[in-house]
PDB file of N, CA and C in Angstrom:
ATOM      1  N   MET A   1       1.100  -1.171  -0.127  1.00  0.00           N
ATOM      2  CA  MET A   1      -0.206   0.081   0.288  1.00  0.00           C
ATOM      3  C   MET A   1       0.949   1.601  -0.211  1.00  0.00           C
ATOM      4  N   SER A   2       0.404   2.042  -0.387  1.00  0.00           N
ATOM      5  CA  SER A   2       1.113   3.719  -0.342  1.00  0.00           C
ATOM      6  C   SER A   2       0.888   4.356   0.644  1.00  0.00           C
ATOM      7  N   ASN A   3       1.679   5.218   1.197  1.00  0.00           N
ATOM      8  CA  ASN A   3       1.857   5.869   2.451  1.00  0.00           C
ATOM      9  C   ASN A   3       1.662   7.294   2.039  1.00  0.00           C
ATOM     10  N   VAL A   4       0.726   7.539   0.867  1.00  0.00           N
ATOM     11  CA  VAL A   4       0.385   8.914   0.635  1.00  0.00           C
ATOM     12  C   VAL A   4      -0.650   9.424   1.316  1.00  0.00           C
ATOM     13  N   ALA A   5      -0.816  10.803   1.955  1.00  0.00           N
ATOM     14  CA  ALA A   5      -1.877  10.947   2.978  1.00  0.00           C
ATOM     15  C   ALA A   5      -3.156  11.053   1.796  1.00  0.00           C
ATOM     16  N   THR A   6      -4.451  11.409   2.121  1.00  0.00           N
ATOM     17  CA  THR A   6      -5.560  11.830   1.525  1.00  0.00           C
ATOM     18  C   THR A   6      -5.744  13.096   1.700  1.00  0.00           C
ATOM     19  N   GLU A   7      -4.484  14.085   0.939  1.00  0.00           N
ATOM     20  CA  GLU A   7      -4.902  15.233   0.913  1.00  0.00           C
ATOM     21  C   GLU A   7      -5.648  15.659  -0.096  1.00  0.00           C
ATOM     22  N   ARG A   8      -6.650  16.594   0.278  1.00  0.00           N
ATOM     23  CA  ARG A   8      -7.478  17.046  -1.044  1.00  0.00           C
ATOM     24  C   ARG A   8      -7.155  18.671  -1.073  1.00  0.00           C
ATOM     25  N   ILE A   9      -7.026  19.102  -2.301  1.00  0.00           N
ATOM     26  CA  ILE A   9      -6.754  20.617  -2.531  1.00  0.00           C
ATOM     27  C   ILE A   9      -8.453  20.982  -3.384  1.00  0.00           C
ATOM     28  N   LEU A  10      -9.012  21.933  -2.730  1.00  0.00           N
ATOM     29  CA  LEU A  10     -10.029  22.424  -3.488  1.00  0.00           C
ATOM     30  C   LEU A  10      -9.677  23.869  -4.079  1.00  0.00           C
ATOM     31  N   ILE A  11      -9.552  23.986  -5.345  1.00  0.00           N
ATOM     32  CA  ILE A  11      -9.589  25.110  -5.779  1.00  0.00           C
ATOM     33  C   ILE A  11     -10.926  25.654  -6.862  1.00  0.00           C
ATOM     34  N   PRO A  12     -11.529  27.200  -5.694  1.00  0.00           N
ATOM     35  CA  PRO A  12     -12.509  27.603  -5.983  1.00  0.00           C
ATOM     36  C   PRO A  12     -12.545  28.341  -7.603  1.00  0.00           C
ATOM     37  N   LEU A  13     -13.863  28.530  -7.889  1.00  0.00           N
ATOM     38  CA  LEU A  13     -14.071  29.139  -9.324  1.00  0.00           C
ATOM     39  C   LEU A  13     -13.595  30.601  -9.278  1.00  0.00           C
ATOM     40  N   SER A  14     -13.382  31.216 -10.499  1.00  0.00           N
ATOM     41  CA  SER A  14     -12.595  32.426 -10.131  1.00  0.00           C
ATOM     42  C   SER A  14     -13.886  33.098 -10.447  1.00  0.00           C
ATOM     43  N   LYS A  15     -14.309  34.207  -9.612  1.00  0.00           N
ATOM     44  CA  LYS A  15     -15.318  34.832  -9.524  1.00  0.00           C
ATOM     45  C   LYS A  15     -15.586  36.058 -10.504  1.00  0.00           C
ATOM     46  N   THR A  16     -14.077  36.593 -10.649  1.00  0.00           N
ATOM     47  CA  THR A  16     -13.553  37.819 -11.669  1.00  0.00           C
ATOM     48  C   THR A  16     -13.737  37.332 -13.098  1.00  0.00           C
ATOM     49  N   LYS A  17     -13.191  36.036 -13.607  1.00  0.00           N
ATOM     50  CA  LYS A  17     -13.575  35.553 -14.857  1.00  0.00           C
ATOM     51  C   LYS A  17     -14.970  35.692 -15.359  1.00  0.00           C
ATOM     52  N   ILE A  18     -15.582  34.825 -13.909  1.00  0.00           N
ATOM     53  CA  ILE A  18     -16.882  34.684 -14.268  1.00  0.00           C
ATOM     54  C   ILE A  18     -17.778  35.934 -14.772  1.00  0.00           C
ATOM     55  N   GLY A  19     -17.200  36.795 -13.883  1.00  0.00           N
ATOM     56  CA  GLY A  19     -17.881  38.311 -13.674  1.00  0.00           C
ATOM     57  C   GLY A  19     -17.997  39.055 -15.135  1.00  0.00           C
ATOM     58  N   LEU A  20     -16.237  38.885 -15.452  1.00  0.00           N
ATOM     59  CA  LEU A  20     -15.990  39.235 -16.966  1.00  0.00           C
ATOM     60  C   LEU A  20     -16.829  38.501 -18.019  1.00  0.00           C
ATOM     61  N   LEU A  21     -17.161  37.578 -17.689  1.00  0.00           N
ATOM     62  CA  LEU A  21     -17.944  36.313 -19.058  1.00  0.00           C
ATOM     63  C   LEU A  21     -19.199  37.203 -19.049  1.00  0.00           C
ATOM     64  N   LEU A  22     -19.976  37.389 -17.712  1.00  0.00           N
ATOM     65  CA  LEU A  22     -21.333  37.712 -17.538  1.00  0.00           C
ATOM     66  C   LEU A  22     -21.547  39.399 -18.213  1.00  0.00           C
ATOM     67  N   GLY A  23     -20.342  40.094 -18.424  1.00  0.00           N
ATOM     68  CA  GLY A  23     -20.278  41.443 -18.925  1.00  0.00           C
ATOM     69  C   GLY A  23     -20.380  41.468 -19.871  1.00  0.00           C
ATOM     70  N   GLY A  24     -19.387  40.525 -20.449  1.00  0.00           N
ATOM     71  CA  GLY A  24     -18.912  40.371 -21.921  1.00  0.00           C
ATOM     72  C   GLY A  24     -20.193  40.043 -22.688  1.00  0.00           C
ATOM     73  N   SER A  25     -20.896  38.872 -22.018  1.00  0.00           N
ATOM     74  CA  SER A  25     -22.188  38.494 -22.883  1.00  0.00           C
ATOM     75  C   SER A  25     -23.096  39.523 -22.876  1.00  0.00           C
ATOM     76  N   GLY A  26     -23.263  40.678 -22.018  1.00  0.00           N
ATOM     77  CA  GLY A  26     -24.258  41.578 -21.797  1.00  0.00           C
ATOM     78  C   GLY A  26     -24.102  42.449 -22.987  1.00  0.00           C
ATOM     79  N   VAL A  27     -22.509  42.726 -23.392  1.00  0.00           N
ATOM     80  CA  VAL A  27     -22.140  43.715 -24.489  1.00  0.00           C
ATOM     81  C   VAL A  27     -22.787  42.985 -25.452  1.00  0.00           C
ATOM     82  N   PHE A  28     -22.307  41.578 -25.745  1.00  0.00           N
ATOM     83  CA  PHE A  28     -22.430  41.201 -27.000  1.00  0.00           C
ATOM     84  C   PHE A  28     -24.069  40.853 -27.564  1.00  0.00           C
ATOM     85  N   VAL A  29     -24.905  40.650 -26.653  1.00  0.00           N
ATOM     86  CA  VAL A  29     -26.372  40.659 -26.710  1.00  0.00           C
ATOM     87  C   VAL A  29     -26.739  41.913 -26.985  1.00  0.00           C
ATOM     88  N   ALA A  30     -26.300  43.140 -26.260  1.00  0.00           N
ATOM     89  CA  ALA A  30     -26.682  44.247 -26.652  1.00  0.00           C
ATOM     90  C   ALA A  30     -26.402  44.809 -28.084  1.00  0.00           C
ATOM     91  N   ALA A  31     -25.200  44.424 -28.541  1.00  0.00           N
ATOM     92  CA  ALA A  31     -24.484  44.541 -30.226  1.00  0.00           C
ATOM     93  C   ALA A  31     -25.723  44.109 -30.815  1.00  0.00           C
ATOM     94  N   SER A  32     -25.863  42.741 -30.458  1.00  0.00           N
ATOM     95  CA  SER A  32     -26.707  41.944 -31.682  1.00  0.00           C
ATOM     96  C   SER A  32     -28.314  42.656 -31.492  1.00  0.00           C
ATOM     97  N   LEU A  33     -28.574  42.785 -30.399  1.00  0.00           N
ATOM     98  CA  LEU A  33     -30.136  43.640 -30.460  1.00  0.00           C
ATOM     99  C   LEU A  33     -29.854  44.672 -31.558  1.00  0.00           C
ATOM    100  N   TRP A  34     -28.782  45.380 -31.292  1.00  0.00           N
ATOM    101  CA  TRP A  34     -28.809  46.586 -32.111  1.00  0.00           C
ATOM    102  C   TRP A  34     -28.301  46.305 -33.567  1.00  0.00           C
ATOM    103  N   LEU A  35     -28.028  45.451 -33.558  1.00  0.00           N
ATOM    104  CA  LEU A  35     -27.881  44.563 -34.876  1.00  0.00           C
ATOM    105  C   LEU A  35     -29.148  44.004 -35.688  1.00  0.00           C
ATOM    106  N   TRP A  36     -29.965  43.616 -34.730  1.00  0.00           N
ATOM    107  CA  TRP A  36     -31.082  43.070 -35.398  1.00  0.00           C
ATOM    108  C   TRP A  36     -31.953  44.420 -35.543  1.00  0.00           C
ATOM    109  N   ASN A  37     -32.223  45.178 -35.018  1.00  0.00           N
ATOM    110  CA  ASN A  37     -32.822  46.733 -35.009  1.00  0.00           C
ATOM    111  C   ASN A  37     -32.540  47.540 -36.579  1.00  0.00           C
ATOM    112  N   HIS A  38     -30.970  47.330 -36.531  1.00  0.00           N
ATOM    113  CA  HIS A  38     -30.488  48.251 -37.953  1.00  0.00           C
ATOM    114  C   HIS A  38     -30.179  47.474 -39.266  1.00  0.00           C
ATOM    115  N   ALA A  39     -30.997  45.996 -39.016  1.00  0.00           N
ATOM    116  CA  ALA A  39     -30.494  45.647 -39.716  1.00  0.00           C
ATOM    117  C   ALA A  39     -30.758  46.109 -41.978  1.00  0.00           C
ATOM    118  N   ASP A  40     -31.693  46.521 -41.274  1.00  0.00           N
ATOM    119  CA  ASP A  40     -32.024  47.223 -42.983  1.00  0.00           C
ATOM    120  C   ASP A  40     -31.494  48.480 -43.553  1.00  0.00           C
ATOM    121  N   GLU A  41     -30.620  49.094 -42.320  1.00  0.00           N
ATOM    122  CA  GLU A  41     -29.888  49.945 -42.628  1.00  0.00           C
ATOM    123  C   GLU A  41     -28.238  49.804 -43.435  1.00  0.00           C
ATOM    124  N   ILE A  42     -27.665  48.516 -43.226  1.00  0.00           N
ATOM    125  CA  ILE A  42     -26.429  47.892 -43.311  1.00  0.00           C
ATOM    126  C   ILE A  42     -26.354  47.901 -44.648  1.00  0.00           C
ATOM    127  N   PRO A  43     -25.246  48.815 -45.137  1.00  0.00           N
ATOM    128  CA  PRO A  43     -25.050  48.401 -46.858  1.00  0.00           C
ATOM    129  C   PRO A  43     -24.287  47.648 -46.858  1.00  0.00           C
ATOM    130  N   HIS A  44     -24.365  46.477 -48.092  1.00  0.00           N
ATOM    131  CA  HIS A  44     -23.226  45.478 -48.948  1.00  0.00           C
ATOM    132  C   HIS A  44     -23.962  44.263 -47.902  1.00  0.00           C
ATOM    133  N   HIS A  45     -24.720  44.279 -47.131  1.00  0.00           N
ATOM    134  CA  HIS A  45     -25.076  42.393 -46.824  1.00  0.00           C
ATOM    135  C   HIS A  45     -26.674  42.694 -46.666  1.00  0.00           C
ATOM    136  N   ASN A  46     -27.261  41.300 -47.063  1.00  0.00           N
ATOM    137  CA  ASN A  46     -28.717  41.302 -47.244  1.00  0.00           C
ATOM    138  C   ASN A  46     -29.189  41.283 -45.500  1.00  0.00           C
ATOM    139  N   ALA A  47     -30.484  41.861 -45.568  1.00  0.00           N
ATOM    140  CA  ALA A  47     -31.164  42.365 -44.221  1.00  0.00           C
ATOM    141  C   ALA A  47     -31.275  40.624 -43.365  1.00  0.00           C
ATOM    142  N   LEU A  48     -31.976  40.035 -43.980  1.00  0.00           N
ATOM    143  CA  LEU A  48     -31.953  38.490 -43.923  1.00  0.00           C
ATOM    144  C   LEU A  48     -30.944  37.683 -43.077  1.00  0.00           C
ATOM    145  N   TYR A  49     -29.649  37.937 -43.505  1.00  0.00           N
ATOM    146  CA  TYR A  49     -28.382  37.699 -43.196  1.00  0.00           C
ATOM    147  C   TYR A  49     -27.894  38.457 -41.844  1.00  0.00           C
ATOM    148  N   VAL A  50     -28.232  39.323 -42.225  1.00  0.00           N
ATOM    149  CA  VAL A  50     -27.826  40.449 -40.933  1.00  0.00           C
ATOM    150  C   VAL A  50     -28.647  39.881 -39.167  1.00  0.00           C
ATOM    151  N   GLU A  51     -30.047  39.654 -39.467  1.00  0.00           N
ATOM    152  CA  GLU A  51     -31.179  39.391 -38.954  1.00  0.00           C
ATOM    153  C   GLU A  51     -30.762  38.197 -37.976  1.00  0.00           C
ATOM    154  N   VAL A  52     -30.447  37.054 -39.158  1.00  0.00           N
ATOM    155  CA  VAL A  52     -30.145  35.409 -38.700  1.00  0.00           C
ATOM    156  C   VAL A  52     -28.482  35.866 -37.799  1.00  0.00           C
ATOM    157  N   VAL A  53     -27.575  36.296 -38.181  1.00  0.00           N
ATOM    158  CA  VAL A  53     -26.408  36.614 -37.339  1.00  0.00           C
ATOM    159  C   VAL A  53     -26.861  37.289 -36.086  1.00  0.00           C
ATOM    160  N   ALA A  54     -27.836  38.297 -35.992  1.00  0.00           N
ATOM    161  CA  ALA A  54     -28.385  38.691 -34.932  1.00  0.00           C
ATOM    162  C   ALA A  54     -28.907  38.118 -33.762  1.00  0.00           C
ATOM    163  N   ILE A  55     -29.651  36.998 -34.466  1.00  0.00           N
ATOM    164  CA  ILE A  55     -30.578  36.510 -33.845  1.00  0.00           C
ATOM    165  C   ILE A  55     -29.637  35.215 -33.187  1.00  0.00           C
ATOM    166  N   ALA A  56     -28.752  34.661 -33.929  1.00  0.00           N
ATOM    167  CA  ALA A  56     -27.653  33.607 -33.273  1.00  0.00           C
ATOM    168  C   ALA A  56     -26.866  34.221 -32.139  1.00  0.00           C
ATOM    169  N   GLY A  57     -26.224  35.482 -32.618  1.00  0.00           N
ATOM    170  CA  GLY A  57     -25.366  36.237 -31.314  1.00  0.00           C
ATOM    171  C   GLY A  57     -26.236  36.522 -29.831  1.00  0.00           C
ATOM    172  N   ILE A  58     -27.766  36.866 -30.072  1.00  0.00           N
ATOM    173  CA  ILE A  58     -28.684  36.839 -29.038  1.00  0.00           C
ATOM    174  C   ILE A  58     -28.549  35.706 -28.365  1.00  0.00           C
ATOM    175  N   GLY A  59     -29.161  34.503 -28.958  1.00  0.00           N
ATOM    176  CA  GLY A  59     -29.319  33.053 -28.576  1.00  0.00           C
ATOM    177  C   GLY A  59     -27.628  32.498 -27.740  1.00  0.00           C
ATOM    178  N   PHE A  60     -26.798  32.783 -28.100  1.00  0.00           N
ATOM    179  CA  PHE A  60     -25.392  32.270 -27.943  1.00  0.00           C
ATOM    180  C   PHE A  60     -25.131  33.128 -26.648  1.00  0.00           C
ATOM    181  N   PHE A  61     -24.643  34.148 -26.894  1.00  0.00           N
ATOM    182  CA  PHE A  61     -24.420  34.947 -25.689  1.00  0.00           C
ATOM    183  C   PHE A  61     -25.339  35.131 -24.664  1.00  0.00           C
ATOM    184  N   GLY A  62     -26.582  34.896 -24.801  1.00  0.00           N
ATOM    185  CA  GLY A  62     -27.354  34.947 -23.800  1.00  0.00           C
ATOM    186  C   GLY A  62     -27.280  33.933 -23.115  1.00  0.00           C
ATOM    187  N   LEU A  63     -27.381  32.498 -23.529  1.00  0.00           N
ATOM    188  CA  LEU A  63     -27.186  31.236 -22.771  1.00  0.00           C
ATOM    189  C   LEU A  63     -25.784  31.687 -22.269  1.00  0.00           C
ATOM    190  N   CYS A  64     -24.815  32.179 -22.728  1.00  0.00           N
ATOM    191  CA  CYS A  64     -23.242  32.119 -21.943  1.00  0.00           C
ATOM    192  C   CYS A  64     -23.857  33.126 -20.780  1.00  0.00           C
ATOM    193  N   GLY A  65     -24.256  33.887 -20.669  1.00  0.00           N
ATOM    194  CA  GLY A  65     -24.712  34.999 -19.594  1.00  0.00           C
ATOM    195  C   GLY A  65     -25.774  34.491 -18.776  1.00  0.00           C
ATOM    196  N   LEU A  66     -26.514  33.290 -18.891  1.00  0.00           N
ATOM    197  CA  LEU A  66     -27.059  32.819 -18.223  1.00  0.00           C
ATOM    198  C   LEU A  66     -26.518  31.682 -17.362  1.00  0.00           C
ATOM    199  N   TYR A  67     -25.764  31.055 -17.639  1.00  0.00           N
ATOM    200  CA  TYR A  67     -24.462  30.256 -17.544  1.00  0.00           C
ATOM    201  C   TYR A  67     -23.727  31.178 -16.265  1.00  0.00           C
ATOM    202  N   ALA A  68     -23.236  32.001 -16.674  1.00  0.00           N
ATOM    203  CA  ALA A  68     -22.277  32.863 -16.116  1.00  0.00           C
ATOM    204  C   ALA A  68     -23.197  33.340 -14.690  1.00  0.00           C
ATOM    205  N   LEU A  69     -23.906  33.864 -14.726  1.00  0.00           N
ATOM    206  CA  LEU A  69     -25.154  34.265 -13.770  1.00  0.00           C
ATOM    207  C   LEU A  69     -25.309  33.098 -12.955  1.00  0.00           C
ATOM    208  N   PHE A  70     -25.643  31.829 -13.141  1.00  0.00           N
ATOM    209  CA  PHE A  70     -25.632  30.814 -12.371  1.00  0.00           C
ATOM    210  C   PHE A  70     -24.468  30.276 -11.568  1.00  0.00           C
ATOM    211  N   LYS A  71     -23.094  30.416 -12.570  1.00  0.00           N
ATOM    212  CA  LYS A  71     -21.926  29.898 -11.745  1.00  0.00           C
ATOM    213  C   LYS A  71     -21.573  31.027 -10.968  1.00  0.00           C
ATOM    214  N   LEU A  72     -21.850  32.228 -10.849  1.00  0.00           N
ATOM    215  CA  LEU A  72     -21.313  33.346 -10.057  1.00  0.00           C
ATOM    216  C   LEU A  72     -21.864  32.757  -8.821  1.00  0.00           C
ATOM    217  N   PHE A  73     -23.251  32.628  -8.531  1.00  0.00           N
ATOM    218  CA  PHE A  73     -23.275  32.195  -7.151  1.00  0.00           C
ATOM    219  C   PHE A  73     -23.208  30.884  -6.876  1.00  0.00           C
ATOM    220  N   ASP A  74     -22.583  30.136  -7.424  1.00  0.00           N
ATOM    221  CA  ASP A  74     -22.195  28.972  -7.208  1.00  0.00           C
ATOM    222  C   ASP A  74     -21.094  28.714  -6.389  1.00  0.00           C
ATOM    223  N   THR A  75     -21.457  27.919  -5.339  1.00  0.00           N
ATOM    224  CA  THR A  75     -20.479  27.629  -3.844  1.00  0.00           C
ATOM    225  C   THR A  75     -19.712  26.559  -4.215  1.00  0.00           C
ATOM    226  N   ALA A  76     -19.942  25.257  -5.024  1.00  0.00           N
ATOM    227  CA  ALA A  76     -18.988  24.598  -5.192  1.00  0.00           C
ATOM    228  C   ALA A  76     -17.746  24.227  -5.968  1.00  0.00           C
ATOM    229  N   PRO A  77     -16.647  23.870  -5.293  1.00  0.00           N
ATOM    230  CA  PRO A  77     -15.137  24.016  -5.992  1.00  0.00           C
ATOM    231  C   PRO A  77     -15.315  23.840  -7.316  1.00  0.00           C
ATOM    232  N   GLY A  78     -14.264  24.802  -8.244  1.00  0.00           N
ATOM    233  CA  GLY A  78     -13.957  24.593  -9.425  1.00  0.00           C
ATOM    234  C   GLY A  78     -13.248  23.302  -9.477  1.00  0.00           C
ATOM    235  N   LEU A  79     -11.934  23.065  -9.227  1.00  0.00           N
ATOM    236  CA  LEU A  79     -11.432  21.948  -9.164  1.00  0.00           C
ATOM    237  C   LEU A  79     -11.148  21.218  -7.837  1.00  0.00           C
ATOM    238  N   ILE A  80     -11.057  19.734  -7.908  1.00  0.00           N
ATOM    239  CA  ILE A  80     -10.737  18.939  -6.788  1.00  0.00           C
ATOM    240  C   ILE A  80      -9.519  18.342  -7.281  1.00  0.00           C
ATOM    241  N   VAL A  81      -8.051  18.345  -6.248  1.00  0.00           N
ATOM    242  CA  VAL A  81      -7.006  17.534  -6.774  1.00  0.00           C
ATOM    243  C   VAL A  81      -6.621  16.615  -5.419  1.00  0.00           C
ATOM    244  N   ASP A  82      -6.686  15.688  -6.007  1.00  0.00           N
ATOM    245  CA  ASP A  82      -6.609  14.542  -4.970  1.00  0.00           C
ATOM    246  C   ASP A  82      -5.405  13.704  -5.466  1.00  0.00           C
ATOM    247  N   ALA A  83      -4.992  12.614  -4.346  1.00  0.00           N
ATOM    248  CA  ALA A  83      -3.938  12.103  -4.757  1.00  0.00           C
ATOM    249  C   ALA A  83      -4.064  10.982  -5.863  1.00  0.00           C
ATOM    250  N   GLU A  84      -5.070  10.665  -6.060  1.00  0.00           N
ATOM    251  CA  GLU A  84      -5.270   9.603  -6.829  1.00  0.00           C
ATOM    252  C   GLU A  84      -6.041  10.381  -8.263  1.00  0.00           C
ATOM    253  N   VAL A  85      -6.506  11.331  -8.254  1.00  0.00           N
ATOM    254  CA  VAL A  85      -7.452  11.961  -9.346  1.00  0.00           C
ATOM    255  C   VAL A  85      -7.153  13.387  -9.470  1.00  0.00           C
ATOM    256  N   VAL A  86      -7.646  14.022 -10.244  1.00  0.00           N
ATOM    257  CA  VAL A  86      -8.089  15.248 -10.586  1.00  0.00           C
ATOM    258  C   VAL A  86      -9.401  15.164 -10.750  1.00  0.00           C
ATOM    259  N   THR A  87     -10.286  16.229 -10.349  1.00  0.00           N
ATOM    260  CA  THR A  87     -11.667  16.141 -10.827  1.00  0.00           C
ATOM    261  C   THR A  87     -12.154  17.564 -10.851  1.00  0.00           C
ATOM    262  N   GLY A  88     -12.974  17.664 -12.098  1.00  0.00           N
ATOM    263  CA  GLY A  88     -13.555  18.869 -12.268  1.00  0.00           C
ATOM    264  C   GLY A  88     -15.312  18.772 -11.417  1.00  0.00           C
ATOM    265  N   ALA A  89     -15.724  19.815 -11.188  1.00  0.00           N
ATOM    266  CA  ALA A  89     -16.871  20.410 -10.504  1.00  0.00           C
ATOM    267  C   ALA A  89     -17.949  19.273 -11.127  1.00  0.00           C
ATOM    268  N   GLU A  90     -18.272  19.250 -12.142  1.00  0.00           N
ATOM    269  CA  GLU A  90     -19.060  18.904 -13.077  1.00  0.00           C
ATOM    270  C   GLU A  90     -19.132  17.110 -13.167  1.00  0.00           C
ATOM    271  N   ALA A  91     -18.125  16.601 -12.765  1.00  0.00           N
ATOM    272  CA  ALA A  91     -17.714  15.381 -12.432  1.00  0.00           C
ATOM    273  C   ALA A  91     -18.704  14.368 -11.467  1.00  0.00           C
ATOM    274  N   LYS A  92     -19.597  15.289 -10.624  1.00  0.00           N
ATOM    275  CA  LYS A  92     -20.523  14.667  -9.601  1.00  0.00           C
ATOM    276  C   LYS A  92     -21.723  14.480 -10.447  1.00  0.00           C
ATOM    277  N   HIS A  93     -21.968  14.867 -11.851  1.00  0.00           N
ATOM    278  CA  HIS A  93     -22.988  14.513 -12.392  1.00  0.00           C
ATOM    279  C   HIS A  93     -23.003  13.270 -13.654  1.00  0.00           C
ATOM    280  N   ARG A  94     -21.734  13.020 -13.580  1.00  0.00           N
ATOM    281  CA  ARG A  94     -21.483  11.752 -14.658  1.00  0.00           C
ATOM    282  C   ARG A  94     -21.255  10.764 -14.058  1.00  0.00           C
ATOM    283  N   GLN A  95     -21.359   9.370 -14.579  1.00  0.00           N
ATOM    284  CA  GLN A  95     -20.702   8.131 -14.118  1.00  0.00           C
ATOM    285  C   GLN A  95     -19.447   7.836 -14.558  1.00  0.00           C
ATOM    286  N   PRO A  96     -18.530   7.359 -13.927  1.00  0.00           N
ATOM    287  CA  PRO A  96     -17.290   7.188 -13.970  1.00  0.00           C
ATOM    288  C   PRO A  96     -17.016   6.698 -15.251  1.00  0.00           C
ATOM    289  N   ASN A  97     -15.815   6.547 -15.582  1.00  0.00           N
ATOM    290  CA  ASN A  97     -15.399   5.665 -17.030  1.00  0.00           C
ATOM    291  C   ASN A  97     -15.150   4.422 -16.822  1.00  0.00           C
ATOM    292  N   PRO A  98     -15.386   3.018 -17.343  1.00  0.00           N
ATOM    293  CA  PRO A  98     -15.012   2.033 -17.276  1.00  0.00           C
ATOM    294  C   PRO A  98     -13.546   1.866 -17.657  1.00  0.00           C
ATOM    295  N   PRO A  99     -13.091   0.860 -17.063  1.00  0.00           N
ATOM    296  CA  PRO A  99     -11.595   0.419 -16.883  1.00  0.00           C
ATOM    297  C   PRO A  99     -11.813   0.187 -18.384  1.00  0.00           C
ATOM    298  N   LEU A 100     -10.417   0.623 -18.660  1.00  0.00           N
ATOM    299  CA  LEU A 100      -9.700   0.113 -20.111  1.00  0.00           C
ATOM    300  C   LEU A 100      -9.549  -1.472 -20.484  1.00  0.00           C
ATOM    301  N   GLN A 101      -9.968  -1.871 -21.715  1.00  0.00           N
ATOM    302  CA  GLN A 101      -9.851  -3.261 -21.598  1.00  0.00           C
ATOM    303  C   GLN A 101      -8.748  -3.648 -22.532  1.00  0.00           C
ATOM    304  N   PRO A 102      -7.948  -4.568 -21.842  1.00  0.00           N
ATOM    305  CA  PRO A 102      -6.528  -5.137 -23.060  1.00  0.00           C
ATOM    306  C   PRO A 102      -7.217  -5.159 -24.470  1.00  0.00           C
ATOM    307  N   PRO A 103      -6.191  -4.775 -25.391  1.00  0.00           N
ATOM    308  CA  PRO A 103      -6.619  -4.750 -26.862  1.00  0.00           C
ATOM    309  C   PRO A 103      -6.933  -6.222 -27.368  1.00  0.00           C
ATOM    310  N   HIS A 104      -6.310  -7.079 -26.731  1.00  0.00           N
ATOM    311  CA  HIS A 104      -6.951  -8.426 -27.282  1.00  0.00           C
ATOM    312  C   HIS A 104      -8.061  -9.084 -26.997  1.00  0.00           C
ATOM    313  N   LEU A 105      -8.782  -8.371 -26.216  1.00  0.00           N
ATOM    314  CA  LEU A 105     -10.043  -8.511 -25.897  1.00  0.00           C
ATOM    315  C   LEU A 105     -11.497  -8.009 -26.967  1.00  0.00           C
ATOM    316  N   PHE A 106     -10.607  -6.951 -27.782  1.00  0.00           N
ATOM    317  CA  PHE A 106     -11.652  -6.164 -28.473  1.00  0.00           C
ATOM    318  C   PHE A 106     -11.749  -7.188 -30.038  1.00  0.00           C
ATOM    319  N   ASN A 107     -10.536  -7.817 -30.400  1.00  0.00           N
ATOM    320  CA  ASN A 107     -10.680  -8.456 -31.693  1.00  0.00           C
ATOM    321  C   ASN A 107     -10.764  -9.746 -31.489  1.00  0.00           C
ATOM    322  N   ARG A 108     -10.761 -10.184 -30.226  1.00  0.00           N
ATOM    323  CA  ARG A 108     -10.572 -11.766 -30.215  1.00  0.00           C
ATOM    324  C   ARG A 108      -9.790 -12.386 -30.761  1.00  0.00           C
ATOM    325  N   GLY A 109      -8.547 -11.742 -31.250  1.00  0.00           N
ATOM    326  CA  GLY A 109      -7.588 -12.621 -32.061  1.00  0.00           C
ATOM    327  C   GLY A 109      -7.557 -12.850 -33.610  1.00  0.00           C
ATOM    328  N   GLN A 110      -8.480 -12.152 -34.122  1.00  0.00           N
ATOM    329  CA  GLN A 110      -8.782 -12.228 -35.165  1.00  0.00           C
ATOM    330  C   GLN A 110      -8.135 -11.355 -36.059  1.00  0.00           C
ATOM    331  N   GLY A 111      -7.261 -10.260 -35.575  1.00  0.00           N
ATOM    332  CA  GLY A 111      -6.749  -9.221 -36.552  1.00  0.00           C
ATOM    333  C   GLY A 111      -7.355  -8.170 -36.892  1.00  0.00           C
ATOM    334  N   MET A 112      -7.038  -7.604 -37.643  1.00  0.00           N
ATOM    335  CA  MET A 112      -7.462  -6.056 -37.902  1.00  0.00           C
ATOM    336  C   MET A 112      -8.446  -6.390 -38.982  1.00  0.00           C
ATOM    337  N   PRO A 113      -9.641  -6.251 -39.113  1.00  0.00           N
ATOM    338  CA  PRO A 113     -10.808  -6.435 -39.741  1.00  0.00           C
ATOM    339  C   PRO A 113     -10.523  -5.981 -41.140  1.00  0.00           C
ATOM    340  N   GLY A 114     -10.663  -6.740 -42.336  1.00  0.00           N
ATOM    341  CA  GLY A 114     -10.321  -6.244 -43.449  1.00  0.00           C
ATOM    342  C   GLY A 114      -8.861  -6.189 -44.055  1.00  0.00           C
ATOM    343  N   VAL A 115      -8.153  -6.641 -42.903  1.00  0.00           N
ATOM    344  CA  VAL A 115      -6.891  -7.236 -43.511  1.00  0.00           C
ATOM    345  C   VAL A 115      -6.378  -8.520 -44.095  1.00  0.00           C
TER     346      VAL A 115
END
């Protein structure tokens, strides 16, 4: 057995970066709203194309802002460093990966298919 202590290092989420993400997404949503309202006035581009780009920007950056708002008040650690494994905060929601199987169990000795 190993004599390694079971020390865990908890690294919190960076609230400054999350705040910057929230502010940046707000700016891009506002710019996309402006683009949508002024789509007919923009020369050299089809108005429908400009509106589609604006709606995509509103949707994407709006979702980024909602995610940042959710994470701004999240108290869970962002990263957990353990003696055995490094775990992200999202790992509590997923199942662990199955152990890797040796390659001979996959092809059962038949060699490469099609060779």
